[in-house]
PDB file of N, CA and C in Angstrom:
ATOM      1  N   PRO A   1      -6.023  -4.167 -18.257  1.00  0.00           N
ATOM      2  CA  PRO A   1      -4.893  -2.986 -18.014  1.00  0.00           C
ATOM      3  C   PRO A   1      -4.762  -1.635 -18.376  1.00  0.00           C
ATOM      4  N   TYR A   2      -3.800  -1.473 -17.432  1.00  0.00           N
ATOM      5  CA  TYR A   2      -4.021   0.231 -17.394  1.00  0.00           C
ATOM      6  C   TYR A   2      -2.222   0.318 -17.510  1.00  0.00           C
ATOM      7  N   TYR A   3      -2.085   1.335 -19.070  1.00  0.00           N
ATOM      8  CA  TYR A   3      -0.626   1.242 -19.253  1.00  0.00           C
ATOM      9  C   TYR A   3      -0.075   2.819 -19.212  1.00  0.00           C
ATOM     10  N   VAL A   4       1.098   2.468 -18.815  1.00  0.00           N
ATOM     11  CA  VAL A   4       1.662   3.670 -18.116  1.00  0.00           C
ATOM     12  C   VAL A   4       3.194   3.558 -18.787  1.00  0.00           C
ATOM     13  N   ASP A   5       4.176   4.995 -19.263  1.00  0.00           N
ATOM     14  CA  ASP A   5       5.250   4.927 -19.498  1.00  0.00           C
ATOM     15  C   ASP A   5       6.279   4.942 -18.466  1.00  0.00           C
ATOM     16  N   LEU A   6       7.635   4.402 -18.390  1.00  0.00           N
ATOM     17  CA  LEU A   6       8.414   4.185 -17.052  1.00  0.00           C
ATOM     18  C   LEU A   6       9.015   5.583 -16.448  1.00  0.00           C
ATOM     19  N   ASN A   7       8.700   5.699 -15.404  1.00  0.00           N
ATOM     20  CA  ASN A   7       8.908   6.567 -14.110  1.00  0.00           C
ATOM     21  C   ASN A   7       7.853   7.590 -14.730  1.00  0.00           C
ATOM     22  N   GLN A   8       6.899   7.062 -14.923  1.00  0.00           N
ATOM     23  CA  GLN A   8       5.806   7.903 -14.730  1.00  0.00           C
ATOM     24  C   GLN A   8       4.825   8.436 -13.565  1.00  0.00           C
ATOM     25  N   ASN A   9       4.231   9.199 -12.878  1.00  0.00           N
ATOM     26  CA  ASN A   9       3.967   8.531 -11.875  1.00  0.00           C
ATOM     27  C   ASN A   9       2.285   8.240 -11.532  1.00  0.00           C
ATOM     28  N   LEU A  10       2.094   7.109 -11.115  1.00  0.00           N
ATOM     29  CA  LEU A  10       1.042   6.189 -11.138  1.00  0.00           C
ATOM     30  C   LEU A  10       0.203   6.596  -9.977  1.00  0.00           C
ATOM     31  N   PHE A  11      -1.067   7.519 -10.003  1.00  0.00           N
ATOM     32  CA  PHE A  11      -1.839   7.739  -8.815  1.00  0.00           C
ATOM     33  C   PHE A  11      -3.187   6.649  -8.785  1.00  0.00           C
ATOM     34  N   LEU A  12      -3.555   6.190  -7.053  1.00  0.00           N
ATOM     35  CA  LEU A  12      -4.160   4.892  -7.275  1.00  0.00           C
ATOM     36  C   LEU A  12      -4.877   5.797  -5.880  1.00  0.00           C
ATOM     37  N   GLN A  13      -6.386   4.695  -5.893  1.00  0.00           N
ATOM     38  CA  GLN A  13      -7.397   5.493  -5.125  1.00  0.00           C
ATOM     39  C   GLN A  13      -8.069   4.260  -4.687  1.00  0.00           C
ATOM     40  N   ALA A  14      -8.075   3.784  -3.397  1.00  0.00           N
ATOM     41  CA  ALA A  14      -9.391   2.955  -3.089  1.00  0.00           C
ATOM     42  C   ALA A  14      -9.923   3.808  -2.255  1.00  0.00           C
ATOM     43  N   SER A  15     -11.863   3.130  -2.430  1.00  0.00           N
ATOM     44  CA  SER A  15     -12.600   3.831  -1.700  1.00  0.00           C
ATOM     45  C   SER A  15     -13.379   2.488  -0.705  1.00  0.00           C
ATOM     46  N   LEU A  16     -14.142   3.162   0.016  1.00  0.00           N
ATOM     47  CA  LEU A  16     -15.063   1.747   0.997  1.00  0.00           C
ATOM     48  C   LEU A  16     -15.824   2.642   0.766  1.00  0.00           C
ATOM     49  N   TYR A  17     -16.775   1.385   0.211  1.00  0.00           N
ATOM     50  CA  TYR A  17     -18.323   1.916  -0.068  1.00  0.00           C
ATOM     51  C   TYR A  17     -19.296   1.619   1.199  1.00  0.00           C
ATOM     52  N   SER A  18     -19.706   2.317   1.927  1.00  0.00           N
ATOM     53  CA  SER A  18     -20.339   1.702   3.688  1.00  0.00           C
ATOM     54  C   SER A  18     -21.496   2.871   3.819  1.00  0.00           C
ATOM     55  N   SER A  19     -22.500   2.404   4.330  1.00  0.00           N
ATOM     56  CA  SER A  19     -23.421   3.400   4.934  1.00  0.00           C
ATOM     57  C   SER A  19     -22.582   4.330   6.050  1.00  0.00           C
ATOM     58  N   ASP A  20     -21.751   4.181   6.844  1.00  0.00           N
ATOM     59  CA  ASP A  20     -21.170   4.369   8.055  1.00  0.00           C
ATOM     60  C   ASP A  20     -19.885   5.171   7.591  1.00  0.00           C
ATOM     61  N   PRO A  21     -20.418   6.247   7.722  1.00  0.00           N
ATOM     62  CA  PRO A  21     -19.624   7.779   7.960  1.00  0.00           C
ATOM     63  C   PRO A  21     -18.805   7.643   8.724  1.00  0.00           C
ATOM     64  N   ASN A  22     -18.207   7.070   9.601  1.00  0.00           N
ATOM     65  CA  ASN A  22     -17.116   6.997  10.714  1.00  0.00           C
ATOM     66  C   ASN A  22     -16.336   5.169  10.808  1.00  0.00           C
ATOM     67  N   LEU A  23     -15.954   5.016   9.598  1.00  0.00           N
ATOM     68  CA  LEU A  23     -14.845   4.511   8.941  1.00  0.00           C
ATOM     69  C   LEU A  23     -14.011   4.958   7.738  1.00  0.00           C
ATOM     70  N   VAL A  24     -12.548   4.877   8.557  1.00  0.00           N
ATOM     71  CA  VAL A  24     -11.215   5.482   7.830  1.00  0.00           C
ATOM     72  C   VAL A  24     -10.560   4.055   7.069  1.00  0.00           C
ATOM     73  N   VAL A  25     -10.152   4.808   6.239  1.00  0.00           N
ATOM     74  CA  VAL A  25      -9.041   3.862   5.289  1.00  0.00           C
ATOM     75  C   VAL A  25      -7.732   3.888   5.482  1.00  0.00           C
ATOM     76  N   PHE A  26      -6.807   2.911   5.377  1.00  0.00           N
ATOM     77  CA  PHE A  26      -5.414   2.776   5.819  1.00  0.00           C
ATOM     78  C   PHE A  26      -4.784   1.830   4.748  1.00  0.00           C
ATOM     79  N   VAL A  27      -3.847   2.415   4.227  1.00  0.00           N
ATOM     80  CA  VAL A  27      -2.847   1.697   3.356  1.00  0.00           C
ATOM     81  C   VAL A  27      -1.797   1.194   4.273  1.00  0.00           C
ATOM     82  N   ASP A  28      -1.931  -0.078   4.524  1.00  0.00           N
ATOM     83  CA  ASP A  28      -0.855  -1.259   5.268  1.00  0.00           C
ATOM     84  C   ASP A  28       0.022  -1.520   4.491  1.00  0.00           C
ATOM     85  N   THR A  29      -0.204  -2.104   3.247  1.00  0.00           N
ATOM     86  CA  THR A  29       1.186  -2.911   2.394  1.00  0.00           C
ATOM     87  C   THR A  29       0.777  -3.108   1.176  1.00  0.00           C
ATOM     88  N   CYS A  30       1.953  -2.306   0.270  1.00  0.00           N
ATOM     89  CA  CYS A  30       1.843  -2.778  -1.054  1.00  0.00           C
ATOM     90  C   CYS A  30       2.515  -3.489  -1.608  1.00  0.00           C
ATOM     91  N   VAL A  31       2.450  -4.205  -1.937  1.00  0.00           N
ATOM     92  CA  VAL A  31       3.592  -5.061  -2.876  1.00  0.00           C
ATOM     93  C   VAL A  31       3.335  -5.353  -4.846  1.00  0.00           C
ATOM     94  N   ALA A  32       4.561  -5.047  -5.236  1.00  0.00           N
ATOM     95  CA  ALA A  32       4.807  -4.697  -7.165  1.00  0.00           C
ATOM     96  C   ALA A  32       4.961  -6.589  -7.046  1.00  0.00           C
ATOM     97  N   SER A  33       4.381  -7.180  -8.114  1.00  0.00           N
ATOM     98  CA  SER A  33       5.232  -8.039  -8.860  1.00  0.00           C
ATOM     99  C   SER A  33       5.161  -8.352 -10.123  1.00  0.00           C
ATOM    100  N   PRO A  34       5.859  -8.828 -11.374  1.00  0.00           N
ATOM    101  CA  PRO A  34       5.345  -9.537 -12.212  1.00  0.00           C
ATOM    102  C   PRO A  34       4.652 -10.499 -12.353  1.00  0.00           C
ATOM    103  N   ASP A  35       4.473 -11.432 -11.528  1.00  0.00           N
ATOM    104  CA  ASP A  35       3.768 -12.732 -11.668  1.00  0.00           C
ATOM    105  C   ASP A  35       2.714 -12.147 -10.804  1.00  0.00           C
ATOM    106  N   PRO A  36       1.291 -12.796 -11.311  1.00  0.00           N
ATOM    107  CA  PRO A  36       0.042 -11.751 -10.271  1.00  0.00           C
ATOM    108  C   PRO A  36      -0.370 -13.232  -9.339  1.00  0.00           C
ATOM    109  N   SER A  37       0.155 -14.196  -9.499  1.00  0.00           N
ATOM    110  CA  SER A  37       0.078 -15.593  -8.456  1.00  0.00           C
ATOM    111  C   SER A  37       0.989 -15.606  -7.535  1.00  0.00           C
ATOM    112  N   ASN A  38       2.073 -14.449  -7.204  1.00  0.00           N
ATOM    113  CA  ASN A  38       3.323 -14.755  -6.488  1.00  0.00           C
ATOM    114  C   ASN A  38       3.514 -13.297  -6.100  1.00  0.00           C
ATOM    115  N   PHE A  39       3.257 -13.180  -4.743  1.00  0.00           N
ATOM    116  CA  PHE A  39       4.378 -11.890  -4.596  1.00  0.00           C
ATOM    117  C   PHE A  39       4.731 -11.848  -3.324  1.00  0.00           C
ATOM    118  N   ARG A  40       5.640 -12.996  -3.848  1.00  0.00           N
ATOM    119  CA  ARG A  40       7.087 -13.153  -2.396  1.00  0.00           C
ATOM    120  C   ARG A  40       7.901 -13.239  -3.027  1.00  0.00           C
ATOM    121  N   THR A  41       8.257 -14.180  -3.955  1.00  0.00           N
ATOM    122  CA  THR A  41       9.710 -14.682  -4.709  1.00  0.00           C
ATOM    123  C   THR A  41      10.331 -13.566  -5.448  1.00  0.00           C
ATOM    124  N   LEU A  42       9.550 -13.055  -6.262  1.00  0.00           N
ATOM    125  CA  LEU A  42       9.909 -11.621  -7.106  1.00  0.00           C
ATOM    126  C   LEU A  42       9.310 -10.992  -7.307  1.00  0.00           C
ATOM    127  N   ALA A  43       9.496  -9.969  -6.003  1.00  0.00           N
ATOM    128  CA  ALA A  43       8.289  -8.834  -5.410  1.00  0.00           C
ATOM    129  C   ALA A  43       9.542  -7.297  -4.977  1.00  0.00           C
ATOM    130  N   TYR A  44       8.584  -6.481  -5.208  1.00  0.00           N
ATOM    131  CA  TYR A  44       9.073  -5.218  -4.664  1.00  0.00           C
ATOM    132  C   TYR A  44       8.169  -4.508  -3.504  1.00  0.00           C
ATOM    133  N   GLU A  45       8.665  -3.948  -2.654  1.00  0.00           N
ATOM    134  CA  GLU A  45       7.889  -3.377  -1.283  1.00  0.00           C
ATOM    135  C   GLU A  45       7.348  -2.041  -2.054  1.00  0.00           C
ATOM    136  N   LEU A  46       6.571  -1.041  -1.912  1.00  0.00           N
ATOM    137  CA  LEU A  46       6.187   0.381  -2.182  1.00  0.00           C
ATOM    138  C   LEU A  46       5.924   0.510  -0.238  1.00  0.00           C
ATOM    139  N   ILE A  47       5.116  -0.589   0.434  1.00  0.00           N
ATOM    140  CA  ILE A  47       4.755  -0.174   1.675  1.00  0.00           C
ATOM    141  C   ILE A  47       4.394  -1.305   2.122  1.00  0.00           C
ATOM    142  N   ARG A  48       5.084  -1.157   3.489  1.00  0.00           N
ATOM    143  CA  ARG A  48       5.311  -2.340   4.177  1.00  0.00           C
ATOM    144  C   ARG A  48       4.637  -2.059   5.437  1.00  0.00           C
ATOM    145  N   SER A  49       3.760  -2.568   6.237  1.00  0.00           N
ATOM    146  CA  SER A  49       3.403  -1.975   7.550  1.00  0.00           C
ATOM    147  C   SER A  49       3.563  -0.633   7.614  1.00  0.00           C
ATOM    148  N   GLY A  50       3.099  -0.101   6.613  1.00  0.00           N
ATOM    149  CA  GLY A  50       2.713   1.214   6.872  1.00  0.00           C
ATOM    150  C   GLY A  50       4.051   1.896   6.634  1.00  0.00           C
ATOM    151  N   CYS A  51       5.254   1.424   6.848  1.00  0.00           N
ATOM    152  CA  CYS A  51       6.312   1.688   6.456  1.00  0.00           C
ATOM    153  C   CYS A  51       6.846   2.415   4.801  1.00  0.00           C
ATOM    154  N   VAL A  52       7.123   3.290   4.560  1.00  0.00           N
ATOM    155  CA  VAL A  52       7.135   3.465   2.969  1.00  0.00           C
ATOM    156  C   VAL A  52       8.803   2.537   2.640  1.00  0.00           C
ATOM    157  N   LYS A  53       8.706   1.919   1.922  1.00  0.00           N
ATOM    158  CA  LYS A  53       9.828   1.150   1.567  1.00  0.00           C
ATOM    159  C   LYS A  53      10.037   1.845  -0.035  1.00  0.00           C
ATOM    160  N   ASP A  54       9.731   2.433  -0.705  1.00  0.00           N
ATOM    161  CA  ASP A  54       9.903   3.449  -2.078  1.00  0.00           C
ATOM    162  C   ASP A  54      10.106   4.461  -1.742  1.00  0.00           C
ATOM    163  N   PRO A  55      10.767   5.231  -2.454  1.00  0.00           N
ATOM    164  CA  PRO A  55      11.115   6.432  -2.326  1.00  0.00           C
ATOM    165  C   PRO A  55       9.623   7.527  -3.134  1.00  0.00           C
ATOM    166  N   THR A  56       9.561   6.920  -4.217  1.00  0.00           N
ATOM    167  CA  THR A  56       8.556   7.647  -5.167  1.00  0.00           C
ATOM    168  C   THR A  56       7.392   7.388  -3.991  1.00  0.00           C
ATOM    169  N   TYR A  57       6.768   6.497  -3.362  1.00  0.00           N
ATOM    170  CA  TYR A  57       4.912   6.305  -2.631  1.00  0.00           C
ATOM    171  C   TYR A  57       5.118   7.804  -2.178  1.00  0.00           C
ATOM    172  N   SER A  58       4.166   7.956  -2.255  1.00  0.00           N
ATOM    173  CA  SER A  58       3.519   9.285  -1.140  1.00  0.00           C
ATOM    174  C   SER A  58       2.466   9.061  -1.064  1.00  0.00           C
ATOM    175  N   SER A  59       1.694   9.400  -0.219  1.00  0.00           N
ATOM    176  CA  SER A  59       0.027   9.338   0.428  1.00  0.00           C
ATOM    177  C   SER A  59      -0.526  10.681   0.310  1.00  0.00           C
ATOM    178  N   TYR A  60      -1.980  10.831  -0.313  1.00  0.00           N
ATOM    179  CA  TYR A  60      -2.398  12.268   0.088  1.00  0.00           C
ATOM    180  C   TYR A  60      -3.601  11.784   1.187  1.00  0.00           C
ATOM    181  N   SER A  61      -3.932  13.345   1.028  1.00  0.00           N
ATOM    182  CA  SER A  61      -5.124  13.412   2.049  1.00  0.00           C
ATOM    183  C   SER A  61      -6.197  13.217   1.085  1.00  0.00           C
ATOM    184  N   SER A  62      -7.586  12.974   1.857  1.00  0.00           N
ATOM    185  CA  SER A  62      -9.021  12.956   0.975  1.00  0.00           C
ATOM    186  C   SER A  62      -9.731  13.758   1.708  1.00  0.00           C
ATOM    187  N   PRO A  63     -10.550  13.995   1.139  1.00  0.00           N
ATOM    188  CA  PRO A  63     -11.398  15.038   2.130  1.00  0.00           C
ATOM    189  C   PRO A  63     -12.687  14.290   2.212  1.00  0.00           C
ATOM    190  N   TYR A  64     -12.753  12.681   1.947  1.00  0.00           N
ATOM    191  CA  TYR A  64     -13.731  11.878   2.272  1.00  0.00           C
ATOM    192  C   TYR A  64     -12.904  10.468   3.662  1.00  0.00           C
ATOM    193  N   SER A  65     -13.224  10.127   4.912  1.00  0.00           N
ATOM    194  CA  SER A  65     -12.380   9.418   5.583  1.00  0.00           C
ATOM    195  C   SER A  65     -12.111   8.007   4.724  1.00  0.00           C
ATOM    196  N   GLY A  66     -13.355   7.667   3.982  1.00  0.00           N
ATOM    197  CA  GLY A  66     -13.194   6.169   3.235  1.00  0.00           C
ATOM    198  C   GLY A  66     -12.490   6.338   1.847  1.00  0.00           C
ATOM    199  N   VAL A  67     -11.586   6.930   2.118  1.00  0.00           N
ATOM    200  CA  VAL A  67     -10.874   7.043   0.725  1.00  0.00           C
ATOM    201  C   VAL A  67      -9.230   6.924   1.030  1.00  0.00           C
ATOM    202  N   ALA A  68      -8.595   6.082   0.454  1.00  0.00           N
ATOM    203  CA  ALA A  68      -7.263   6.409   0.704  1.00  0.00           C
ATOM    204  C   ALA A  68      -6.324   6.629  -1.033  1.00  0.00           C
ATOM    205  N   ARG A  69      -5.394   7.607  -0.958  1.00  0.00           N
ATOM    206  CA  ARG A  69      -5.110   8.149  -1.923  1.00  0.00           C
ATOM    207  C   ARG A  69      -3.794   8.023  -1.805  1.00  0.00           C
ATOM    208  N   PHE A  70      -2.635   7.372  -2.813  1.00  0.00           N
ATOM    209  CA  PHE A  70      -1.306   7.377  -3.240  1.00  0.00           C
ATOM    210  C   PHE A  70      -0.708   7.003  -4.326  1.00  0.00           C
ATOM    211  N   SER A  71       0.768   7.305  -4.664  1.00  0.00           N
ATOM    212  CA  SER A  71       0.809   7.123  -5.565  1.00  0.00           C
ATOM    213  C   SER A  71       2.355   6.614  -5.816  1.00  0.00           C
ATOM    214  N   PHE A  72       2.879   6.249  -6.605  1.00  0.00           N
ATOM    215  CA  PHE A  72       4.362   6.339  -6.845  1.00  0.00           C
ATOM    216  C   PHE A  72       4.635   5.839  -8.210  1.00  0.00           C
ATOM    217  N   ASN A  73       6.083   6.118  -8.474  1.00  0.00           N
ATOM    218  CA  ASN A  73       6.231   5.941  -9.826  1.00  0.00           C
ATOM    219  C   ASN A  73       6.656   4.773 -10.109  1.00  0.00           C
ATOM    220  N   ALA A  74       6.326   4.351 -11.756  1.00  0.00           N
ATOM    221  CA  ALA A  74       6.209   3.227 -12.393  1.00  0.00           C
ATOM    222  C   ALA A  74       7.455   2.641 -13.160  1.00  0.00           C
ATOM    223  N   PHE A  75       7.656   1.409 -12.719  1.00  0.00           N
ATOM    224  CA  PHE A  75       8.951   0.922 -12.827  1.00  0.00           C
ATOM    225  C   PHE A  75       8.610  -0.564 -13.943  1.00  0.00           C
ATOM    226  N   SER A  76      10.117  -1.590 -14.006  1.00  0.00           N
ATOM    227  CA  SER A  76       9.708  -2.139 -14.281  1.00  0.00           C
ATOM    228  C   SER A  76      10.630  -3.120 -13.817  1.00  0.00           C
ATOM    229  N   PHE A  77      10.471  -4.684 -14.285  1.00  0.00           N
ATOM    230  CA  PHE A  77      11.037  -5.704 -13.697  1.00  0.00           C
ATOM    231  C   PHE A  77      11.950  -6.284 -14.406  1.00  0.00           C
ATOM    232  N   VAL A  78      13.410  -5.582 -14.826  1.00  0.00           N
ATOM    233  CA  VAL A  78      13.963  -5.707 -15.781  1.00  0.00           C
ATOM    234  C   VAL A  78      13.073  -5.727 -17.337  1.00  0.00           C
ATOM    235  N   ASN A  79      13.749  -5.776 -18.434  1.00  0.00           N
ATOM    236  CA  ASN A  79      13.017  -6.151 -19.268  1.00  0.00           C
ATOM    237  C   ASN A  79      12.027  -7.326 -20.016  1.00  0.00           C
ATOM    238  N   ARG A  80      12.373  -8.409 -19.201  1.00  0.00           N
ATOM    239  CA  ARG A  80      12.026  -9.414 -19.221  1.00  0.00           C
ATOM    240  C   ARG A  80      10.380  -9.396 -18.464  1.00  0.00           C
ATOM    241  N   HIS A  81       9.988  -8.571 -18.304  1.00  0.00           N
ATOM    242  CA  HIS A  81       8.448  -8.597 -17.441  1.00  0.00           C
ATOM    243  C   HIS A  81       8.264  -7.103 -17.650  1.00  0.00           C
ATOM    244  N   PRO A  82       7.103  -7.703 -18.932  1.00  0.00           N
ATOM    245  CA  PRO A  82       6.672  -6.590 -19.610  1.00  0.00           C
ATOM    246  C   PRO A  82       5.049  -5.656 -18.652  1.00  0.00           C
ATOM    247  N   SER A  83       4.590  -6.808 -17.884  1.00  0.00           N
ATOM    248  CA  SER A  83       3.791  -5.913 -17.152  1.00  0.00           C
ATOM    249  C   SER A  83       4.260  -5.687 -15.872  1.00  0.00           C
ATOM    250  N   VAL A  84       3.614  -5.595 -14.296  1.00  0.00           N
ATOM    251  CA  VAL A  84       3.627  -5.036 -12.671  1.00  0.00           C
ATOM    252  C   VAL A  84       2.260  -5.282 -12.503  1.00  0.00           C
ATOM    253  N   TYR A  85       1.908  -6.085 -11.203  1.00  0.00           N
ATOM    254  CA  TYR A  85       1.144  -6.234 -11.010  1.00  0.00           C
ATOM    255  C   TYR A  85       1.356  -5.852  -9.482  1.00  0.00           C
ATOM    256  N   LEU A  86       0.215  -5.514  -8.774  1.00  0.00           N
ATOM    257  CA  LEU A  86      -0.029  -4.784  -7.672  1.00  0.00           C
ATOM    258  C   LEU A  86      -0.738  -5.145  -6.946  1.00  0.00           C
ATOM    259  N   GLN A  87      -0.515  -5.744  -5.548  1.00  0.00           N
ATOM    260  CA  GLN A  87      -1.509  -6.313  -4.660  1.00  0.00           C
ATOM    261  C   GLN A  87      -1.429  -5.374  -2.927  1.00  0.00           C
ATOM    262  N   CYS A  88      -2.351  -4.642  -2.694  1.00  0.00           N
ATOM    263  CA  CYS A  88      -2.201  -3.968  -1.623  1.00  0.00           C
ATOM    264  C   CYS A  88      -3.214  -4.405  -0.544  1.00  0.00           C
ATOM    265  N   GLU A  89      -3.191  -4.362   0.762  1.00  0.00           N
ATOM    266  CA  GLU A  89      -3.587  -4.936   2.007  1.00  0.00           C
ATOM    267  C   GLU A  89      -4.078  -3.591   2.399  1.00  0.00           C
ATOM    268  N   LEU A  90      -5.120  -3.029   2.509  1.00  0.00           N
ATOM    269  CA  LEU A  90      -6.122  -1.703   3.496  1.00  0.00           C
ATOM    270  C   LEU A  90      -6.712  -2.208   4.845  1.00  0.00           C
ATOM    271  N   VAL A  91      -6.702  -1.223   5.510  1.00  0.00           N
ATOM    272  CA  VAL A  91      -7.389  -1.429   6.602  1.00  0.00           C
ATOM    273  C   VAL A  91      -8.666  -0.828   6.812  1.00  0.00           C
ATOM    274  N   VAL A  92      -9.182  -1.265   7.560  1.00  0.00           N
ATOM    275  CA  VAL A  92     -10.749  -0.373   7.678  1.00  0.00           C
ATOM    276  C   VAL A  92     -10.901  -0.007   9.502  1.00  0.00           C
ATOM    277  N   CYS A  93     -10.915   1.055  10.178  1.00  0.00           N
ATOM    278  CA  CYS A  93     -10.713   1.024  11.123  1.00  0.00           C
ATOM    279  C   CYS A  93     -12.167   2.315  11.481  1.00  0.00           C
ATOM    280  N   ARG A  94     -12.539   2.257  12.903  1.00  0.00           N
ATOM    281  CA  ARG A  94     -13.069   3.248  13.009  1.00  0.00           C
ATOM    282  C   ARG A  94     -12.682   4.748  13.419  1.00  0.00           C
ATOM    283  N   TYR A  95     -13.347   5.853  12.652  1.00  0.00           N
ATOM    284  CA  TYR A  95     -12.738   7.441  12.508  1.00  0.00           C
ATOM    285  C   TYR A  95     -12.513   7.722  14.302  1.00  0.00           C
ATOM    286  N   ASN A  96     -11.210   8.274  14.371  1.00  0.00           N
ATOM    287  CA  ASN A  96     -10.785   9.153  15.843  1.00  0.00           C
ATOM    288  C   ASN A  96     -10.575   7.960  16.657  1.00  0.00           C
ATOM    289  N   ASP A  97     -10.435   6.305  16.442  1.00  0.00           N
ATOM    290  CA  ASP A  97     -10.442   5.402  17.967  1.00  0.00           C
ATOM    291  C   ASP A  97      -8.584   5.338  17.211  1.00  0.00           C
ATOM    292  N   TYR A  98      -7.960   6.221  18.342  1.00  0.00           N
ATOM    293  CA  TYR A  98      -6.554   6.351  18.335  1.00  0.00           C
ATOM    294  C   TYR A  98      -5.783   5.096  18.429  1.00  0.00           C
ATOM    295  N   SER A  99      -6.334   4.262  18.873  1.00  0.00           N
ATOM    296  CA  SER A  99      -5.803   2.798  19.812  1.00  0.00           C
ATOM    297  C   SER A  99      -5.503   1.961  18.058  1.00  0.00           C
ATOM    298  N   SER A 100      -6.397   2.128  17.498  1.00  0.00           N
ATOM    299  CA  SER A 100      -7.202   1.077  16.297  1.00  0.00           C
ATOM    300  C   SER A 100      -5.528   1.166  14.848  1.00  0.00           C
ATOM    301  N   ARG A 101      -5.156   0.404  14.340  1.00  0.00           N
ATOM    302  CA  ARG A 101      -3.928   0.356  13.297  1.00  0.00           C
ATOM    303  C   ARG A 101      -4.492   0.983  12.571  1.00  0.00           C
ATOM    304  N   CYS A 102      -4.984   1.995  11.720  1.00  0.00           N
ATOM    305  CA  CYS A 102      -5.257   3.184  11.211  1.00  0.00           C
ATOM    306  C   CYS A 102      -4.633   4.054  11.656  1.00  0.00           C
ATOM    307  N   TYR A 103      -4.661   4.454  12.971  1.00  0.00           N
ATOM    308  CA  TYR A 103      -3.102   5.574  13.475  1.00  0.00           C
ATOM    309  C   TYR A 103      -2.276   5.252  13.764  1.00  0.00           C
ATOM    310  N   GLN A 104      -1.780   4.093  13.969  1.00  0.00           N
ATOM    311  CA  GLN A 104      -0.803   3.419  14.077  1.00  0.00           C
ATOM    312  C   GLN A 104       0.890   4.514  13.975  1.00  0.00           C
ATOM    313  N   GLY A 105       0.046   4.481  12.198  1.00  0.00           N
ATOM    314  CA  GLY A 105       1.347   4.758  10.693  1.00  0.00           C
ATOM    315  C   GLY A 105       2.568   3.358  11.175  1.00  0.00           C
ATOM    316  N   CYS A 106       3.559   3.986  10.390  1.00  0.00           N
ATOM    317  CA  CYS A 106       4.592   3.057  10.449  1.00  0.00           C
ATOM    318  C   CYS A 106       4.713   2.061  11.677  1.00  0.00           C
ATOM    319  N   VAL A 107       4.762   0.755  11.668  1.00  0.00           N
ATOM    320  CA  VAL A 107       4.963  -0.081  12.857  1.00  0.00           C
ATOM    321  C   VAL A 107       5.920  -1.282  12.532  1.00  0.00           C
ATOM    322  N   SER A 108       7.349  -1.008  12.793  1.00  0.00           N
ATOM    323  CA  SER A 108       8.020  -1.623  12.407  1.00  0.00           C
ATOM    324  C   SER A 108       7.932  -3.208  13.725  1.00  0.00           C
ATOM    325  N   ARG A 109       7.941  -4.546  13.113  1.00  0.00           N
ATOM    326  CA  ARG A 109       7.719  -5.305  14.017  1.00  0.00           C
ATOM    327  C   ARG A 109       8.919  -6.064  13.860  1.00  0.00           C
ATOM    328  N   PHE A 110       9.762  -6.437  15.274  1.00  0.00           N
ATOM    329  CA  PHE A 110      10.960  -6.843  15.699  1.00  0.00           C
ATOM    330  C   PHE A 110      10.779  -8.253  16.269  1.00  0.00           C
ATOM    331  N   LYS A 111      11.503  -9.327  15.919  1.00  0.00           N
ATOM    332  CA  LYS A 111      11.089 -11.046  16.210  1.00  0.00           C
ATOM    333  C   LYS A 111      12.381 -11.134  17.145  1.00  0.00           C
ATOM    334  N   ARG A 112      12.228 -11.457  18.542  1.00  0.00           N
ATOM    335  CA  ARG A 112      13.050 -12.115  19.598  1.00  0.00           C
ATOM    336  C   ARG A 112      13.547 -13.237  19.127  1.00  0.00           C
ATOM    337  N   LYS A 113      14.602 -13.202  19.985  1.00  0.00           N
ATOM    338  CA  LYS A 113      15.008 -14.501  19.943  1.00  0.00           C
ATOM    339  C   LYS A 113      14.446 -15.373  21.495  1.00  0.00           C
ATOM    340  N   ALA A 114      14.473 -16.437  21.131  1.00  0.00           N
ATOM    341  CA  ALA A 114      13.759 -16.916  22.532  1.00  0.00           C
ATOM    342  C   ALA A 114      14.595 -17.504  22.993  1.00  0.00           C
ATOM    343  N   GLY A 115      15.309 -17.047  23.980  1.00  0.00           N
ATOM    344  CA  GLY A 115      16.457 -17.228  24.989  1.00  0.00           C
ATOM    345  C   GLY A 115      15.892 -17.748  26.097  1.00  0.00           C
ATOM    346  N   SER A 116      17.283 -18.610  27.159  1.00  0.00           N
ATOM    347  CA  SER A 116      16.743 -19.444  27.870  1.00  0.00           C
ATOM    348  C   SER A 116      16.432 -18.469  29.844  1.00  0.00           C
TER     349      SER A 116
END
């Protein structure tokens, strides 16, 4: 566990360990939950499909393409939950492949109704 005070900025870094220097890492989705085995029922989205959902979420540049850095403000799920767990989905893409998911940024996926 990592202990932080309420409203303290929490800085995270995800690193890709690969011998291929032409790979980039993109933070697609990060969800917080008080239950480490359930990120759907009582969950809080920090970022979803590359779209920032929490106003305290910030991403930071890195001198390395295989490193993703971000931060958010520590919060609590009411006083009944002493711990908050984080689950993130990251995407690995080829460097400078602008058609890849890593270079699309925020993607809003709309559902369409099946009409006659």
